[in-house]
Amino acid sequence: METVTVSPKFQVVIPKRVREQMGLQPGQKLDVVQIGQRIELIQQQPPQALRGLLRGIDTKVEREQDRV
């Protein structure tokens, strides 16, 4: 686990080891999610990266008659 310090401007530096492992680049956008007392940073994915994500999913689902 790495420890970072919050600057007077409320900025933090992501440690080099983590940046390299995650492949982060300058200017890249991250989503900030608060879960209880925890903060998570999640890389934003371009829509093109999601192409084919649902390939092979079974679309034959039983539906109620009023939902057909």
Protein backbone atom coordinates (compact mmCIF):
# COMPACT_ATOMS: atom_id res chain seq x y z
CA MET A 1 0.00 0.00 0.00
CA GLU A 2 1.22 3.45 -0.91
CA THR A 3 0.65 6.59 1.13
CA VAL A 4 0.08 10.02 -0.40
CA THR A 5 -0.34 13.46 1.14
CA VAL A 6 -3.10 15.93 0.29
CA SER A 7 -1.60 19.30 -0.67
CA PRO A 8 -3.01 22.66 0.50
CA LYS A 9 -4.78 22.78 -2.91
CA PHE A 10 -6.33 19.34 -2.20
CA GLN A 11 -4.12 17.65 -4.81
CA VAL A 12 -2.47 14.24 -4.54
CA VAL A 13 0.26 12.62 -6.62
CA ILE A 14 -0.37 9.07 -7.83
CA PRO A 15 2.82 7.11 -7.06
CA LYS A 16 5.01 6.28 -10.06
CA ARG A 17 4.72 2.52 -9.57
CA VAL A 18 0.91 2.74 -9.67
CA ARG A 19 0.91 5.08 -12.70
CA GLU A 20 3.14 2.69 -14.61
CA GLN A 21 1.16 -0.43 -13.68
CA MET A 22 -2.12 1.25 -14.67
CA GLY A 23 -0.68 2.80 -17.85
CA LEU A 24 -1.84 6.29 -16.85
CA GLN A 25 -0.88 9.20 -19.09
CA PRO A 26 -0.78 12.96 -18.42
CA GLY A 27 -4.16 14.54 -19.17
CA GLN A 28 -6.02 11.25 -18.86
CA LYS A 29 -9.40 11.53 -17.13
CA LEU A 30 -10.33 9.51 -14.06
CA ASP A 31 -13.73 9.12 -12.42
CA VAL A 32 -13.79 9.73 -8.65
CA VAL A 33 -16.10 7.47 -6.66
CA GLN A 34 -16.73 7.75 -2.92
CA ILE A 35 -17.68 4.52 -1.17
CA GLY A 36 -18.16 5.15 2.55
CA GLN A 37 -14.82 6.43 3.84
CA ARG A 38 -12.95 5.28 0.72
CA ILE A 39 -12.14 7.15 -2.53
CA GLU A 40 -11.59 5.21 -5.75
CA LEU A 41 -10.15 6.54 -9.02
CA ILE A 42 -11.42 4.73 -12.12
CA GLN A 43 -9.98 5.18 -15.61
CA GLN A 44 -12.51 6.49 -18.09
CA GLN A 45 -12.83 4.25 -21.12
CA PRO A 46 -13.57 5.61 -24.59
CA PRO A 47 -16.76 4.18 -26.14
CA GLN A 48 -14.65 2.30 -28.70
CA ALA A 49 -13.05 0.26 -25.87
CA LEU A 50 -16.49 -1.15 -25.00
CA ARG A 51 -17.13 -2.48 -28.52
CA GLY A 52 -17.85 -6.20 -28.44
CA LEU A 53 -18.23 -6.28 -24.65
CA LEU A 54 -21.63 -8.01 -24.87
CA ARG A 55 -20.77 -10.32 -27.77
CA GLY A 56 -22.30 -13.75 -27.23
CA ILE A 57 -24.78 -12.67 -24.57
CA ASP A 58 -28.05 -14.62 -24.58
CA THR A 59 -30.78 -12.22 -25.70
CA LYS A 60 -33.57 -14.81 -25.54
CA VAL A 61 -35.10 -13.89 -22.21
CA GLU A 62 -38.63 -14.83 -21.18
CA ARG A 63 -40.74 -11.68 -21.04
CA GLU A 64 -44.14 -10.95 -19.64
CA GLN A 65 -46.81 -10.63 -22.34
CA ASP A 66 -47.21 -6.88 -21.83
CA ARG A 67 -43.43 -6.38 -22.34
CA VAL A 68 -43.12 -8.04 -25.75
